[in-house]
């Protein structure tokens, strides 16, 4: 599907390069190829390439940005992901509503799905740059998913 080129996966300040590779693999499994990295801590990396398996092309074509603002500058719809609820009332979407919104906007806009740091997610300033905020329903006592797992869940 050509329109999938309009979807960009944005990983912010990724600390483990294996998560970059595994996210690229998840993207390739689901037909996406537009990966943006915002200040990754260790990239390029042989670990990322190794975890990418047959998705090395996505790793090699990944764009690296100094800020989230730069990474999403060309996007008309930006959706931030987080495992934590916030006290600030952002416009929330369920995963199902997110899928509907993405499909509605797919041909008209570039879309960014933004994922935060492995240990802390997106900060409030980064979430302010997003049009919507979405959470994966999970065990309230342990809602934190591995980064690549979260990418795959959203791409399903």
N, C-alpha and C. Protein backbone atom coordinates (compact mmCIF):
# COMPACT_ATOMS: atom_id res chain seq x y z
N UNK A 1 0.85 -1.17 0.00
CA UNK A 1 0.00 0.00 0.00
C UNK A 1 0.90 1.24 0.00
N UNK A 2 0.85 1.98 -1.07
CA UNK A 2 1.71 3.14 -1.25
C UNK A 2 1.52 4.19 -0.16
N UNK A 3 0.30 4.34 0.35
CA UNK A 3 0.01 5.35 1.36
C UNK A 3 0.78 5.11 2.66
N UNK A 4 1.21 3.88 2.90
CA UNK A 4 1.96 3.61 4.12
C UNK A 4 3.26 4.40 4.17
N UNK A 5 3.72 4.89 3.03
CA UNK A 5 4.90 5.75 3.02
C UNK A 5 4.63 7.06 3.75
N UNK A 6 3.36 7.39 3.95
CA UNK A 6 3.01 8.60 4.68
C UNK A 6 3.08 8.43 6.19
N UNK A 7 3.31 7.21 6.67
CA UNK A 7 3.39 6.95 8.11
C UNK A 7 4.86 6.87 8.52
N UNK A 8 5.19 7.67 9.49
CA UNK A 8 6.56 7.73 10.01
C UNK A 8 6.55 7.24 11.46
N UNK A 9 7.42 6.31 11.77
CA UNK A 9 7.63 5.88 13.14
C UNK A 9 8.78 6.72 13.69
N UNK A 10 8.52 7.41 14.80
CA UNK A 10 9.52 8.29 15.40
C UNK A 10 9.89 7.72 16.77
N UNK A 11 11.15 7.41 16.95
CA UNK A 11 11.66 6.92 18.24
C UNK A 11 12.50 8.03 18.86
N UNK A 12 12.13 8.43 20.06
CA UNK A 12 12.78 9.56 20.72
C UNK A 12 13.79 9.06 21.75
N UNK A 13 15.05 9.45 21.55
CA UNK A 13 16.12 9.25 22.54
C UNK A 13 16.26 7.80 22.98
N UNK A 14 16.19 6.90 22.01
CA UNK A 14 16.29 5.46 22.28
C UNK A 14 17.65 5.15 22.91
N UNK A 15 17.64 4.41 24.02
CA UNK A 15 18.89 4.13 24.73
C UNK A 15 19.53 2.81 24.29
N UNK A 16 18.74 1.85 23.87
CA UNK A 16 19.30 0.55 23.48
C UNK A 16 19.14 0.36 21.98
N UNK A 17 20.25 0.22 21.25
CA UNK A 17 20.15 0.09 19.79
C UNK A 17 19.39 -1.15 19.33
N UNK A 18 19.33 -2.18 20.18
CA UNK A 18 18.55 -3.36 19.82
C UNK A 18 17.08 -3.04 19.64
N UNK A 19 16.58 -2.06 20.40
CA UNK A 19 15.18 -1.67 20.24
C UNK A 19 14.94 -0.95 18.92
N UNK A 20 15.94 -0.26 18.43
CA UNK A 20 15.82 0.37 17.11
C UNK A 20 15.72 -0.72 16.04
N UNK A 21 16.60 -1.72 16.13
CA UNK A 21 16.56 -2.81 15.16
C UNK A 21 15.27 -3.61 15.21
N UNK A 22 14.81 -3.92 16.43
CA UNK A 22 13.58 -4.69 16.58
C UNK A 22 12.37 -3.88 16.11
N UNK A 23 12.40 -2.57 16.31
CA UNK A 23 11.30 -1.71 15.81
C UNK A 23 11.31 -1.68 14.29
N UNK A 24 12.49 -1.62 13.70
CA UNK A 24 12.59 -1.67 12.23
C UNK A 24 12.03 -2.98 11.70
N UNK A 25 12.33 -4.06 12.40
CA UNK A 25 11.81 -5.37 11.98
C UNK A 25 10.28 -5.39 12.06
N UNK A 26 9.72 -4.84 13.14
CA UNK A 26 8.26 -4.77 13.27
C UNK A 26 7.66 -3.94 12.14
N UNK A 27 8.33 -2.83 11.81
CA UNK A 27 7.86 -2.00 10.72
C UNK A 27 7.85 -2.77 9.40
N UNK A 28 8.92 -3.47 9.12
CA UNK A 28 9.01 -4.23 7.87
C UNK A 28 7.93 -5.30 7.81
N UNK A 29 7.68 -5.97 8.95
CA UNK A 29 6.63 -6.98 9.01
C UNK A 29 5.27 -6.42 8.60
N UNK A 30 5.05 -5.14 8.93
CA UNK A 30 3.74 -4.54 8.68
C UNK A 30 3.72 -3.61 7.46
N UNK A 31 4.82 -3.59 6.69
CA UNK A 31 4.82 -2.85 5.43
C UNK A 31 5.20 -1.39 5.52
N UNK A 32 5.79 -0.95 6.63
CA UNK A 32 6.22 0.44 6.77
C UNK A 32 7.73 0.52 6.61
N UNK A 33 8.22 1.68 6.19
CA UNK A 33 9.67 1.80 6.01
C UNK A 33 10.23 3.16 6.40
N UNK A 34 9.42 4.05 6.95
CA UNK A 34 9.85 5.41 7.25
C UNK A 34 10.15 5.53 8.75
N UNK A 35 11.44 5.42 9.11
CA UNK A 35 11.88 5.46 10.51
C UNK A 35 12.65 6.75 10.76
N UNK A 36 12.25 7.45 11.81
CA UNK A 36 12.95 8.67 12.24
C UNK A 36 13.44 8.46 13.67
N UNK A 37 14.68 8.83 13.90
CA UNK A 37 15.29 8.70 15.23
C UNK A 37 15.65 10.08 15.74
N UNK A 38 15.19 10.39 16.94
CA UNK A 38 15.51 11.67 17.56
C UNK A 38 16.56 11.42 18.64
N UNK A 39 17.73 11.93 18.43
CA UNK A 39 18.84 11.82 19.37
C UNK A 39 19.00 10.41 19.96
N UNK A 40 19.19 9.41 19.11
CA UNK A 40 19.42 8.06 19.66
C UNK A 40 20.76 8.04 20.40
N UNK A 41 20.83 7.30 21.49
CA UNK A 41 22.06 7.29 22.30
C UNK A 41 23.17 6.47 21.67
N UNK A 42 22.82 5.45 20.86
CA UNK A 42 23.85 4.59 20.27
C UNK A 42 23.39 4.15 18.88
N UNK A 43 23.71 4.98 17.89
CA UNK A 43 23.32 4.68 16.52
C UNK A 43 24.20 5.50 15.59
N UNK A 44 24.69 4.92 14.51
CA UNK A 44 24.49 3.56 14.04
C UNK A 44 25.15 2.53 14.96
N UNK A 45 24.65 1.32 14.85
CA UNK A 45 25.09 0.28 15.76
C UNK A 45 24.94 -1.09 15.11
N UNK A 46 25.94 -1.93 15.32
CA UNK A 46 25.85 -3.31 14.86
C UNK A 46 24.75 -4.07 15.58
N UNK A 47 24.46 -3.68 16.81
CA UNK A 47 23.38 -4.32 17.57
C UNK A 47 22.04 -4.04 16.89
N UNK A 48 21.83 -2.80 16.47
CA UNK A 48 20.58 -2.45 15.77
C UNK A 48 20.47 -3.24 14.48
N UNK A 49 21.55 -3.34 13.74
CA UNK A 49 21.54 -4.09 12.48
C UNK A 49 21.25 -5.56 12.75
N UNK A 50 21.87 -6.12 13.78
CA UNK A 50 21.64 -7.52 14.11
C UNK A 50 20.20 -7.82 14.50
N UNK A 51 19.59 -6.94 15.27
CA UNK A 51 18.20 -7.15 15.70
C UNK A 51 17.20 -6.86 14.59
N UNK A 52 17.63 -6.12 13.57
CA UNK A 52 16.74 -5.78 12.46
C UNK A 52 16.47 -6.97 11.56
N UNK A 53 17.35 -7.99 11.60
CA UNK A 53 17.21 -9.16 10.73
C UNK A 53 17.14 -8.72 9.28
N UNK A 54 16.05 -8.97 8.60
CA UNK A 54 15.92 -8.62 7.19
C UNK A 54 15.39 -7.20 6.96
N UNK A 55 15.41 -6.38 7.98
CA UNK A 55 14.93 -5.00 7.86
C UNK A 55 16.10 -4.01 7.91
N UNK A 56 17.26 -4.45 7.49
CA UNK A 56 18.44 -3.58 7.50
C UNK A 56 18.23 -2.37 6.60
N UNK A 57 17.46 -2.52 5.54
CA UNK A 57 17.19 -1.37 4.66
C UNK A 57 16.51 -0.23 5.42
N UNK A 58 15.65 -0.57 6.36
CA UNK A 58 14.97 0.46 7.16
C UNK A 58 15.98 1.14 8.09
N UNK A 59 16.86 0.36 8.68
CA UNK A 59 17.92 0.93 9.53
C UNK A 59 18.81 1.86 8.71
N UNK A 60 19.21 1.40 7.54
CA UNK A 60 20.12 2.19 6.71
C UNK A 60 19.49 3.48 6.18
N UNK A 61 18.19 3.49 6.02
CA UNK A 61 17.53 4.69 5.50
C UNK A 61 16.91 5.56 6.61
N UNK A 62 17.09 5.16 7.86
CA UNK A 62 16.54 5.93 8.98
C UNK A 62 17.10 7.35 8.97
N UNK A 63 16.24 8.30 9.23
CA UNK A 63 16.66 9.70 9.35
C UNK A 63 16.91 10.01 10.81
N UNK A 64 17.97 10.76 11.08
CA UNK A 64 18.32 11.13 12.45
C UNK A 64 18.09 12.63 12.62
N UNK A 65 17.41 12.99 13.71
CA UNK A 65 17.06 14.38 13.98
C UNK A 65 17.59 14.81 15.35
N UNK A 66 17.83 16.11 15.47
CA UNK A 66 18.28 16.68 16.74
C UNK A 66 17.12 17.00 17.68
N UNK A 67 15.91 17.06 17.13
CA UNK A 67 14.75 17.40 17.98
C UNK A 67 13.50 16.72 17.43
N UNK A 68 12.54 16.54 18.31
CA UNK A 68 11.26 16.00 17.88
C UNK A 68 10.57 16.98 16.94
N UNK A 69 10.72 18.27 17.20
CA UNK A 69 10.11 19.28 16.32
C UNK A 69 10.56 19.09 14.88
N UNK A 70 11.86 18.85 14.69
CA UNK A 70 12.38 18.64 13.34
C UNK A 70 11.86 17.34 12.73
N UNK A 71 11.76 16.30 13.55
CA UNK A 71 11.34 14.99 13.05
C UNK A 71 9.89 14.99 12.57
N UNK A 72 9.05 15.82 13.18
CA UNK A 72 7.62 15.82 12.83
C UNK A 72 7.22 17.04 12.00
N UNK A 73 8.18 17.85 11.60
CA UNK A 73 7.87 19.10 10.89
C UNK A 73 7.04 18.90 9.63
N UNK A 74 7.19 17.77 8.96
CA UNK A 74 6.46 17.52 7.72
C UNK A 74 5.16 16.75 7.93
N UNK A 75 4.75 16.58 9.17
CA UNK A 75 3.58 15.75 9.47
C UNK A 75 2.35 16.59 9.83
N UNK A 76 1.22 16.22 9.25
CA UNK A 76 -0.04 16.90 9.54
C UNK A 76 -0.79 16.27 10.68
N UNK A 77 -0.41 15.07 11.08
CA UNK A 77 -1.02 14.38 12.21
C UNK A 77 0.09 13.73 13.01
N UNK A 78 0.15 14.07 14.30
CA UNK A 78 1.18 13.53 15.18
C UNK A 78 0.49 12.90 16.39
N UNK A 79 0.77 11.62 16.61
CA UNK A 79 0.16 10.88 17.71
C UNK A 79 1.27 10.38 18.63
N UNK A 80 1.21 10.81 19.88
CA UNK A 80 2.21 10.41 20.87
C UNK A 80 1.71 9.24 21.70
N UNK A 81 2.61 8.34 22.01
CA UNK A 81 2.26 7.15 22.78
C UNK A 81 2.86 7.26 24.18
N UNK A 82 2.16 6.68 25.15
CA UNK A 82 2.68 6.69 26.51
C UNK A 82 1.99 5.61 27.33
N UNK A 83 2.74 5.00 28.22
CA UNK A 83 2.17 4.01 29.13
C UNK A 83 1.59 4.68 30.37
N UNK A 84 2.00 5.92 30.63
CA UNK A 84 1.59 6.60 31.85
C UNK A 84 0.46 7.58 31.58
N UNK A 85 -0.51 7.60 32.49
CA UNK A 85 -1.55 8.63 32.43
C UNK A 85 -0.95 9.93 32.94
N UNK A 86 -1.43 11.04 32.43
CA UNK A 86 -0.93 12.35 32.83
C UNK A 86 -2.07 13.16 33.41
N UNK A 87 -1.73 14.14 34.21
CA UNK A 87 -2.74 15.01 34.80
C UNK A 87 -3.19 16.08 33.82
N UNK A 88 -2.36 16.33 32.79
CA UNK A 88 -2.73 17.32 31.79
C UNK A 88 -3.70 16.66 30.81
N UNK A 89 -4.83 17.27 30.51
CA UNK A 89 -5.86 16.62 29.68
C UNK A 89 -5.58 16.72 28.18
N UNK A 90 -4.72 15.87 27.66
CA UNK A 90 -4.49 15.83 26.22
C UNK A 90 -5.66 15.15 25.54
N UNK A 91 -5.88 15.47 24.29
CA UNK A 91 -6.90 14.72 23.54
C UNK A 91 -6.44 13.26 23.43
N UNK A 92 -7.24 12.37 23.96
CA UNK A 92 -6.90 10.95 24.00
C UNK A 92 -7.64 10.18 22.91
N UNK A 93 -6.95 9.17 22.39
CA UNK A 93 -7.56 8.21 21.47
C UNK A 93 -7.29 6.82 22.02
N UNK A 94 -8.23 5.93 21.79
CA UNK A 94 -7.97 4.52 22.07
C UNK A 94 -7.15 3.96 20.91
N UNK A 95 -6.55 2.80 21.04
CA UNK A 95 -5.86 2.22 19.89
C UNK A 95 -6.78 2.06 18.67
N UNK A 96 -8.04 1.69 18.91
CA UNK A 96 -8.98 1.54 17.80
C UNK A 96 -9.27 2.88 17.13
N UNK A 97 -9.46 3.92 17.95
CA UNK A 97 -9.69 5.26 17.39
C UNK A 97 -8.45 5.76 16.66
N UNK A 98 -7.27 5.39 17.16
CA UNK A 98 -6.03 5.77 16.50
C UNK A 98 -5.97 5.17 15.11
N UNK A 99 -6.31 3.88 15.00
CA UNK A 99 -6.30 3.22 13.70
C UNK A 99 -7.26 3.90 12.74
N UNK A 100 -8.45 4.23 13.21
CA UNK A 100 -9.44 4.91 12.38
C UNK A 100 -8.93 6.27 11.94
N UNK A 101 -8.36 7.03 12.87
CA UNK A 101 -7.84 8.36 12.55
C UNK A 101 -6.71 8.28 11.53
N UNK A 102 -5.80 7.34 11.71
CA UNK A 102 -4.69 7.18 10.76
C UNK A 102 -5.22 6.84 9.38
N UNK A 103 -6.17 5.92 9.29
CA UNK A 103 -6.73 5.54 7.99
C UNK A 103 -7.45 6.71 7.32
N UNK A 104 -8.14 7.54 8.13
CA UNK A 104 -8.82 8.71 7.58
C UNK A 104 -7.83 9.74 7.02
N UNK A 105 -6.70 9.87 7.66
CA UNK A 105 -5.72 10.91 7.29
C UNK A 105 -4.64 10.43 6.33
N UNK A 106 -4.57 9.14 6.09
CA UNK A 106 -3.45 8.51 5.40
C UNK A 106 -3.13 9.10 4.04
N UNK A 107 -4.13 9.43 3.27
CA UNK A 107 -3.85 9.95 1.93
C UNK A 107 -3.67 11.46 1.91
N UNK A 108 -4.13 12.15 2.95
CA UNK A 108 -4.07 13.61 2.97
C UNK A 108 -2.86 14.17 3.70
N UNK A 109 -2.32 13.43 4.65
CA UNK A 109 -1.26 13.95 5.50
C UNK A 109 -0.16 12.93 5.73
N UNK A 110 1.02 13.43 6.04
CA UNK A 110 2.04 12.58 6.62
C UNK A 110 1.69 12.43 8.09
N UNK A 111 1.90 11.24 8.61
CA UNK A 111 1.50 10.92 9.97
C UNK A 111 2.72 10.43 10.74
N UNK A 112 2.86 10.92 11.96
CA UNK A 112 3.94 10.45 12.84
C UNK A 112 3.34 9.74 14.03
N UNK A 113 3.82 8.53 14.28
CA UNK A 113 3.52 7.81 15.52
C UNK A 113 4.79 7.91 16.35
N UNK A 114 4.71 8.60 17.49
CA UNK A 114 5.88 8.95 18.27
C UNK A 114 5.97 8.09 19.52
N UNK A 115 7.14 7.49 19.71
CA UNK A 115 7.42 6.62 20.85
C UNK A 115 8.57 7.21 21.64
N UNK A 116 8.45 7.20 22.96
CA UNK A 116 9.45 7.81 23.82
C UNK A 116 10.52 6.86 24.31
N UNK A 117 11.27 7.35 25.25
CA UNK A 117 12.39 6.63 25.85
C UNK A 117 11.93 5.34 26.52
N UNK A 118 12.81 4.36 26.51
CA UNK A 118 12.48 3.07 27.11
C UNK A 118 12.18 3.20 28.60
N UNK A 119 12.88 4.08 29.29
CA UNK A 119 12.72 4.16 30.74
C UNK A 119 11.71 5.19 31.22
N UNK A 120 11.36 6.16 30.37
CA UNK A 120 10.49 7.24 30.85
C UNK A 120 9.44 7.68 29.84
N UNK A 121 9.45 7.14 28.64
CA UNK A 121 8.48 7.54 27.63
C UNK A 121 8.70 8.96 27.14
N UNK A 122 7.65 9.58 26.66
CA UNK A 122 7.71 10.97 26.20
C UNK A 122 7.49 11.90 27.38
N UNK A 123 8.21 13.01 27.39
CA UNK A 123 7.97 13.98 28.46
C UNK A 123 6.80 14.87 28.07
N UNK A 124 6.36 15.69 29.00
CA UNK A 124 5.19 16.54 28.75
C UNK A 124 5.40 17.51 27.60
N UNK A 125 6.60 18.07 27.47
CA UNK A 125 6.86 18.98 26.36
C UNK A 125 6.73 18.28 25.02
N UNK A 126 7.20 17.04 24.95
CA UNK A 126 7.08 16.27 23.71
C UNK A 126 5.63 15.92 23.41
N UNK A 127 4.88 15.57 24.45
CA UNK A 127 3.46 15.26 24.24
C UNK A 127 2.68 16.50 23.78
N UNK A 128 3.12 17.68 24.20
CA UNK A 128 2.47 18.92 23.75
C UNK A 128 2.61 19.12 22.25
N UNK A 129 3.62 18.50 21.64
CA UNK A 129 3.82 18.62 20.19
C UNK A 129 2.89 17.69 19.41
N UNK A 130 2.20 16.81 20.10
CA UNK A 130 1.34 15.81 19.46
C UNK A 130 -0.11 16.29 19.43
N UNK A 131 -0.81 15.93 18.37
CA UNK A 131 -2.23 16.26 18.27
C UNK A 131 -3.07 15.38 19.18
N UNK A 132 -2.64 14.13 19.34
CA UNK A 132 -3.36 13.17 20.16
C UNK A 132 -2.37 12.35 20.98
N UNK A 133 -2.90 11.73 22.02
CA UNK A 133 -2.15 10.89 22.92
C UNK A 133 -2.89 9.55 22.97
N UNK A 134 -2.16 8.45 22.94
CA UNK A 134 -2.78 7.13 22.95
C UNK A 134 -2.01 6.21 23.89
N UNK A 135 -2.76 5.32 24.55
CA UNK A 135 -2.19 4.32 25.43
C UNK A 135 -2.68 2.94 25.02
N UNK A 136 -1.81 1.96 25.19
CA UNK A 136 -2.20 0.57 24.99
C UNK A 136 -2.79 0.09 26.30
N UNK A 137 -4.03 -0.40 26.30
CA UNK A 137 -4.58 -0.93 27.54
C UNK A 137 -3.73 -2.11 28.01
N UNK A 138 -3.27 -2.02 29.23
CA UNK A 138 -2.40 -3.08 29.78
C UNK A 138 -2.65 -3.18 31.28
N UNK A 139 -2.01 -4.13 31.89
CA UNK A 139 -2.11 -4.33 33.33
C UNK A 139 -1.74 -3.03 34.04
N UNK A 140 -2.65 -2.48 34.83
CA UNK A 140 -2.38 -1.20 35.49
C UNK A 140 -1.22 -1.28 36.47
N UNK A 141 -0.89 -2.47 36.93
CA UNK A 141 0.25 -2.62 37.84
C UNK A 141 1.58 -2.72 37.10
N UNK A 142 1.52 -2.99 35.81
CA UNK A 142 2.75 -3.05 35.00
C UNK A 142 2.37 -2.80 33.56
N UNK A 143 2.29 -1.53 33.19
CA UNK A 143 1.78 -1.16 31.86
C UNK A 143 2.89 -0.86 30.86
N UNK A 144 4.15 -0.92 31.27
CA UNK A 144 5.25 -0.57 30.40
C UNK A 144 5.60 -1.72 29.46
N UNK A 145 5.53 -1.46 28.15
CA UNK A 145 5.88 -2.46 27.16
C UNK A 145 7.29 -2.21 26.63
N UNK A 146 7.94 -3.24 26.14
CA UNK A 146 9.18 -3.07 25.41
C UNK A 146 8.88 -2.17 24.22
N UNK A 147 9.83 -1.32 23.86
CA UNK A 147 9.62 -0.35 22.79
C UNK A 147 9.19 -1.01 21.48
N UNK A 148 9.92 -2.03 21.04
CA UNK A 148 9.58 -2.68 19.77
C UNK A 148 8.23 -3.38 19.85
N UNK A 149 7.88 -3.90 21.02
CA UNK A 149 6.56 -4.51 21.20
C UNK A 149 5.47 -3.46 21.05
N UNK A 150 5.68 -2.29 21.63
CA UNK A 150 4.70 -1.21 21.50
C UNK A 150 4.55 -0.78 20.04
N UNK A 151 5.67 -0.68 19.32
CA UNK A 151 5.60 -0.33 17.91
C UNK A 151 4.75 -1.36 17.16
N UNK A 152 4.99 -2.63 17.40
CA UNK A 152 4.24 -3.69 16.72
C UNK A 152 2.76 -3.63 17.05
N UNK A 153 2.43 -3.41 18.31
CA UNK A 153 1.01 -3.33 18.70
C UNK A 153 0.32 -2.20 17.93
N UNK A 154 0.94 -1.05 17.83
CA UNK A 154 0.31 0.05 17.11
C UNK A 154 0.23 -0.19 15.61
N UNK A 155 1.15 -0.96 15.07
CA UNK A 155 1.13 -1.22 13.64
C UNK A 155 0.15 -2.31 13.24
N UNK A 156 -0.30 -3.08 14.22
CA UNK A 156 -1.28 -4.12 13.90
C UNK A 156 -2.58 -3.47 13.51
